[in-house]
N, C-alpha and C. Protein backbone atom coordinates (compact mmCIF):
# COMPACT_ATOMS: atom_id res chain seq x y z
N UNK A 1 0.84 -1.18 0.00
CA UNK A 1 0.00 0.00 0.00
C UNK A 1 0.89 1.24 0.00
N UNK A 2 0.59 2.21 -0.84
CA UNK A 2 1.40 3.42 -0.88
C UNK A 2 1.29 4.20 0.42
N UNK A 3 2.32 4.97 0.73
CA UNK A 3 2.31 5.73 1.97
C UNK A 3 1.44 6.98 1.88
N UNK A 4 1.09 7.41 0.67
CA UNK A 4 0.25 8.60 0.50
C UNK A 4 -0.82 8.31 -0.56
N UNK A 5 -1.86 7.55 -0.18
CA UNK A 5 -2.89 7.19 -1.15
C UNK A 5 -3.50 8.37 -1.91
N UNK A 6 -3.76 9.53 -1.27
CA UNK A 6 -4.33 10.64 -2.04
C UNK A 6 -3.42 11.11 -3.18
N UNK A 7 -2.11 11.04 -2.98
CA UNK A 7 -1.19 11.45 -4.04
C UNK A 7 -1.27 10.48 -5.22
N UNK A 8 -1.30 9.19 -4.92
CA UNK A 8 -1.41 8.18 -5.97
C UNK A 8 -2.74 8.32 -6.70
N UNK A 9 -3.82 8.51 -5.96
CA UNK A 9 -5.14 8.66 -6.58
C UNK A 9 -5.21 9.93 -7.43
N UNK A 10 -4.57 11.00 -7.00
CA UNK A 10 -4.56 12.22 -7.80
C UNK A 10 -3.83 11.99 -9.12
N UNK A 11 -2.76 11.22 -9.08
CA UNK A 11 -2.02 10.90 -10.31
C UNK A 11 -2.87 10.05 -11.25
N UNK A 12 -3.54 9.05 -10.70
CA UNK A 12 -4.43 8.21 -11.51
C UNK A 12 -5.55 9.05 -12.10
N UNK A 13 -6.09 9.96 -11.31
CA UNK A 13 -7.16 10.85 -11.80
C UNK A 13 -6.67 11.71 -12.96
N UNK A 14 -5.42 12.14 -12.90
CA UNK A 14 -4.87 12.96 -13.97
C UNK A 14 -4.69 12.17 -15.26
N UNK A 15 -4.46 10.87 -15.15
CA UNK A 15 -4.21 10.04 -16.32
C UNK A 15 -5.48 9.45 -16.92
N UNK A 16 -6.58 9.49 -16.19
CA UNK A 16 -7.82 8.86 -16.64
C UNK A 16 -8.96 9.87 -16.59
N UNK A 17 -10.07 9.49 -17.20
CA UNK A 17 -11.22 10.40 -17.16
C UNK A 17 -12.53 9.71 -16.81
N UNK A 18 -12.55 8.38 -16.78
CA UNK A 18 -13.82 7.70 -16.56
C UNK A 18 -13.84 6.73 -15.39
N UNK A 19 -12.70 6.19 -14.99
CA UNK A 19 -12.75 5.19 -13.93
C UNK A 19 -13.04 5.83 -12.58
N UNK A 20 -13.73 5.07 -11.72
CA UNK A 20 -13.98 5.52 -10.36
C UNK A 20 -12.71 5.29 -9.55
N UNK A 21 -12.44 6.13 -8.61
CA UNK A 21 -11.26 6.03 -7.76
C UNK A 21 -11.69 5.62 -6.37
N UNK A 22 -11.14 4.52 -5.85
CA UNK A 22 -11.51 4.02 -4.54
C UNK A 22 -10.30 4.00 -3.62
N UNK A 23 -10.54 4.27 -2.35
CA UNK A 23 -9.50 4.09 -1.34
C UNK A 23 -9.69 2.71 -0.73
N UNK A 24 -8.67 2.24 -0.07
CA UNK A 24 -8.88 1.10 0.83
C UNK A 24 -9.60 1.67 2.04
N UNK A 25 -9.73 0.91 3.08
CA UNK A 25 -10.37 1.44 4.28
C UNK A 25 -9.42 2.45 4.92
N UNK A 26 -9.89 3.67 5.10
CA UNK A 26 -9.13 4.72 5.75
C UNK A 26 -9.53 4.72 7.22
N UNK A 27 -8.61 4.35 8.11
CA UNK A 27 -8.91 4.23 9.54
C UNK A 27 -8.64 5.58 10.20
N UNK A 28 -9.71 6.29 10.52
CA UNK A 28 -9.56 7.64 11.06
C UNK A 28 -8.96 7.69 12.45
N UNK A 29 -9.07 6.61 13.22
CA UNK A 29 -8.51 6.63 14.57
C UNK A 29 -6.98 6.65 14.55
N UNK A 30 -6.38 6.33 13.41
CA UNK A 30 -4.92 6.31 13.31
C UNK A 30 -4.37 7.52 12.55
N UNK A 31 -5.26 8.36 12.03
CA UNK A 31 -4.85 9.51 11.21
C UNK A 31 -5.54 10.77 11.72
N UNK A 32 -5.08 11.91 11.26
CA UNK A 32 -5.74 13.17 11.57
C UNK A 32 -6.97 13.29 10.67
N UNK A 33 -8.18 13.23 11.23
CA UNK A 33 -9.38 13.21 10.40
C UNK A 33 -9.56 14.46 9.54
N UNK A 34 -9.12 15.60 10.03
CA UNK A 34 -9.24 16.83 9.24
C UNK A 34 -8.32 16.77 8.02
N UNK A 35 -7.11 16.30 8.23
CA UNK A 35 -6.16 16.17 7.11
C UNK A 35 -6.67 15.17 6.08
N UNK A 36 -7.23 14.05 6.55
CA UNK A 36 -7.79 13.04 5.65
C UNK A 36 -8.92 13.66 4.82
N UNK A 37 -9.79 14.41 5.48
CA UNK A 37 -10.91 15.04 4.78
C UNK A 37 -10.42 16.05 3.74
N UNK A 38 -9.46 16.87 4.12
CA UNK A 38 -8.93 17.87 3.19
C UNK A 38 -8.24 17.22 1.99
N UNK A 39 -7.38 16.25 2.25
CA UNK A 39 -6.65 15.58 1.17
C UNK A 39 -7.59 14.89 0.19
N UNK A 40 -8.56 14.18 0.72
CA UNK A 40 -9.47 13.44 -0.14
C UNK A 40 -10.48 14.35 -0.83
N UNK A 41 -10.85 15.45 -0.19
CA UNK A 41 -11.73 16.42 -0.85
C UNK A 41 -11.02 17.04 -2.05
N UNK A 42 -9.72 17.28 -1.92
CA UNK A 42 -8.95 17.82 -3.04
C UNK A 42 -8.91 16.83 -4.19
N UNK A 43 -8.65 15.56 -3.89
CA UNK A 43 -8.62 14.54 -4.94
C UNK A 43 -9.99 14.41 -5.60
N UNK A 44 -11.05 14.44 -4.80
CA UNK A 44 -12.40 14.34 -5.34
C UNK A 44 -12.68 15.51 -6.28
N UNK A 45 -12.27 16.69 -5.90
CA UNK A 45 -12.48 17.88 -6.74
C UNK A 45 -11.68 17.77 -8.04
N UNK A 46 -10.41 17.41 -7.93
CA UNK A 46 -9.56 17.31 -9.12
C UNK A 46 -10.02 16.21 -10.07
N UNK A 47 -10.64 15.17 -9.52
CA UNK A 47 -11.07 14.05 -10.36
C UNK A 47 -12.47 14.24 -10.91
N UNK A 48 -13.10 15.35 -10.60
CA UNK A 48 -14.46 15.58 -11.07
C UNK A 48 -15.50 14.74 -10.34
N UNK A 49 -15.25 14.46 -9.06
CA UNK A 49 -16.21 13.72 -8.25
C UNK A 49 -16.13 12.22 -8.39
N UNK A 50 -14.99 11.70 -8.82
CA UNK A 50 -14.87 10.25 -9.03
C UNK A 50 -14.33 9.49 -7.83
N UNK A 51 -14.01 10.17 -6.74
CA UNK A 51 -13.42 9.49 -5.58
C UNK A 51 -14.51 8.88 -4.70
N UNK A 52 -14.29 7.62 -4.32
CA UNK A 52 -15.14 6.93 -3.36
C UNK A 52 -14.28 6.67 -2.13
N UNK A 53 -14.55 7.38 -1.06
CA UNK A 53 -13.77 7.26 0.17
C UNK A 53 -14.43 6.24 1.09
N UNK A 54 -13.67 5.25 1.54
CA UNK A 54 -14.16 4.22 2.44
C UNK A 54 -13.51 4.46 3.80
N UNK A 55 -14.33 4.71 4.81
CA UNK A 55 -13.83 5.07 6.13
C UNK A 55 -14.18 3.98 7.13
N UNK A 56 -13.21 3.66 7.99
CA UNK A 56 -13.44 2.72 9.08
C UNK A 56 -13.16 3.41 10.39
N UNK A 57 -13.85 2.98 11.44
CA UNK A 57 -13.66 3.63 12.74
C UNK A 57 -12.50 3.06 13.53
N UNK A 58 -11.99 1.93 13.12
CA UNK A 58 -10.83 1.35 13.79
C UNK A 58 -11.21 0.26 14.75
N UNK A 59 -10.19 -0.32 15.36
CA UNK A 59 -10.38 -1.41 16.31
C UNK A 59 -10.72 -0.86 17.69
N UNK A 60 -11.12 -1.74 18.56
CA UNK A 60 -11.40 -1.35 19.93
C UNK A 60 -10.11 -1.05 20.68
N UNK A 61 -10.20 -0.79 21.99
CA UNK A 61 -9.01 -0.48 22.77
C UNK A 61 -7.96 -1.58 22.68
N UNK A 62 -6.75 -1.20 22.35
CA UNK A 62 -5.66 -2.16 22.24
C UNK A 62 -5.71 -3.03 21.00
N UNK A 63 -6.62 -2.76 20.10
CA UNK A 63 -6.79 -3.60 18.92
C UNK A 63 -5.83 -3.32 17.78
N UNK A 64 -5.10 -2.22 17.86
CA UNK A 64 -4.20 -1.87 16.76
C UNK A 64 -2.86 -2.56 16.87
N UNK A 65 -2.46 -2.96 18.06
CA UNK A 65 -1.19 -3.65 18.23
C UNK A 65 0.01 -2.77 17.98
N UNK A 66 -0.17 -1.45 18.06
CA UNK A 66 0.94 -0.54 17.81
C UNK A 66 1.53 -0.09 19.11
C-alpha cells in the first residue's frame, strides 16, 4: 500500500477520465481526520467527483497492536 494514497489517486485521476477512484479502508482513529478530509476532498475535486472514500472507525481499545 502506498504511503500517500491521495497522491497516488490524484495521479491516476490525472491520467484517466472515466474510472472511479476508490481508497482502501481509511482508519480515522490512526490519522488526523481533518487532514484526511482535506486531502481526499482535493482529490475528489480534481477528479471531477470520481473518488469513493471508504472510512473505518478502527479497532477497539488495544486492537491496533501498535
